[in-house]
Amino acid sequence: MVEHPEIRRLVPGMRVRITQAVGRQAARWSATIEGEVLSCGPEPTGSWHAHGKQNRYWLTRIVLRKTNGELTRQSLDQNSRIEIVEPGGDLPTQPAEARET
């Protein structure tokens, strides 16, 4: 699972822009999506992985509501970039781990 420093600052209600890139031999493809954060954090996949937490393979995922109302779930990796477009609420002053308690 890839750790994103930006993910600790995200709270539901924020508006973010995510750019994801895929490297190719001669070029790089990228796609950008923008929306309101509904949730974010590590989630298990359906894949079994012998050395993963709870024997699962975990991915960092973010769920967004786009302007047209469509819900989308994005898996974040080392090629993903997160930009905060609008705070939408109080920015957290503590890391996500501290807020969960």
Protein backbone atom coordinates (compact mmCIF):
# COMPACT_ATOMS: atom_id res chain seq x y z
CA MET A 1 0.00 0.00 0.00
CA VAL A 2 1.33 3.42 -0.96
CA GLU A 3 1.22 6.15 1.70
CA HIS A 4 0.15 9.58 0.51
CA PRO A 5 0.97 12.45 2.88
CA GLU A 6 -1.96 14.44 1.45
CA ILE A 7 -4.51 11.77 2.43
CA ARG A 8 -4.07 12.58 6.12
CA ARG A 9 -5.35 16.11 5.49
CA LEU A 10 -8.50 15.03 3.63
CA VAL A 11 -11.89 15.16 5.31
CA PRO A 12 -15.36 14.56 3.88
CA GLY A 13 -16.72 17.66 2.17
CA MET A 14 -13.42 18.83 0.71
CA ARG A 15 -13.17 19.31 -3.03
CA VAL A 16 -10.06 17.69 -4.54
CA ARG A 17 -8.47 17.12 -7.91
CA ILE A 18 -6.70 13.80 -8.48
CA THR A 19 -4.31 13.28 -11.37
CA GLN A 20 -3.24 9.73 -12.10
CA ALA A 21 -0.54 8.79 -14.59
CA VAL A 22 0.46 5.60 -16.35
CA GLY A 23 3.95 5.34 -17.75
CA ARG A 24 4.43 3.90 -21.21
CA GLN A 25 7.47 3.33 -23.41
CA ALA A 26 7.38 6.60 -25.32
CA ALA A 27 4.81 8.69 -23.47
CA ARG A 28 2.86 9.07 -20.27
CA TRP A 29 -0.94 8.92 -20.11
CA SER A 30 -2.68 10.93 -17.43
CA ALA A 31 -6.25 11.45 -16.33
CA THR A 32 -7.67 14.02 -13.92
CA ILE A 33 -10.84 13.77 -11.87
CA GLU A 34 -12.33 16.33 -9.51
CA GLY A 35 -14.99 15.94 -6.85
CA GLU A 36 -16.10 16.13 -3.23
CA VAL A 37 -14.44 13.70 -0.82
CA LEU A 38 -16.87 11.22 0.69
CA SER A 39 -14.27 8.92 2.24
CA CYS A 40 -10.61 8.03 1.97
CA GLY A 41 -8.19 5.55 3.46
CA PRO A 42 -6.89 2.00 3.19
CA GLU A 43 -9.37 -0.66 2.08
CA PRO A 44 -8.86 -4.38 1.51
CA THR A 45 -9.30 -5.86 -1.92
CA GLY A 46 -10.93 -9.20 -2.62
CA SER A 47 -7.48 -10.56 -3.41
CA TRP A 48 -5.76 -12.83 -0.95
CA HIS A 49 -2.18 -11.96 -0.11
CA ALA A 50 -0.20 -14.17 2.26
CA HIS A 51 1.82 -11.37 3.84
CA GLY A 52 -0.80 -8.64 3.93
CA LYS A 53 -2.68 -7.28 6.91
CA GLN A 54 -5.45 -9.76 7.76
CA ASN A 55 -4.22 -11.83 4.79
CA ARG A 56 -5.58 -9.28 2.33
CA TYR A 57 -3.99 -6.94 -0.17
CA TRP A 58 -4.75 -3.34 0.88
CA LEU A 59 -5.04 -0.28 -1.38
CA THR A 60 -5.36 3.40 -0.57
CA ARG A 61 -8.72 4.45 -1.99
CA ILE A 62 -10.74 7.63 -2.19
CA VAL A 63 -14.47 7.95 -2.92
CA LEU A 64 -15.56 11.17 -4.67
CA ARG A 65 -18.87 12.70 -5.74
CA LYS A 66 -18.35 14.46 -9.05
CA THR A 67 -20.20 17.68 -9.93
CA ASN A 68 -22.77 15.72 -11.98
CA GLY A 69 -23.57 13.53 -8.94
CA GLU A 70 -21.67 10.45 -10.15
CA LEU A 71 -19.82 8.53 -7.44
CA THR A 72 -16.35 7.25 -8.23
CA ARG A 73 -13.82 5.20 -6.27
CA GLN A 74 -10.17 5.73 -7.17
CA SER A 75 -7.23 3.57 -6.09
CA LEU A 76 -4.21 5.73 -5.39
CA ASP A 77 -0.65 4.69 -6.22
CA GLN A 78 2.79 6.27 -6.44
CA ASN A 79 1.80 8.02 -9.68
CA SER A 80 -1.26 9.75 -8.17
CA ARG A 81 -1.24 13.43 -7.25
CA ILE A 82 -3.86 14.97 -4.93
CA GLU A 83 -4.62 18.70 -4.93
CA ILE A 84 -7.06 20.35 -2.52
CA VAL A 85 -9.31 22.64 -4.57
CA GLU A 86 -11.65 23.81 -1.77
CA PRO A 87 -11.29 23.00 1.92
CA GLY A 88 -15.06 22.55 2.32
CA GLY A 89 -14.77 22.19 6.08
CA ASP A 90 -12.30 22.50 8.91
CA LEU A 91 -8.85 21.27 7.94
CA PRO A 92 -7.76 18.62 10.44
CA THR A 93 -4.97 19.63 12.78
CA GLN A 94 -4.09 16.02 13.65
CA PRO A 95 -3.06 13.06 11.50
CA ALA A 96 -5.84 10.66 10.52
CA GLU A 97 -4.65 8.02 13.01
CA ALA A 98 -5.21 10.39 15.92
CA ARG A 99 -8.67 11.43 14.69
CA GLU A 100 -9.91 7.81 14.59
CA THR A 101 -9.69 7.32 18.35
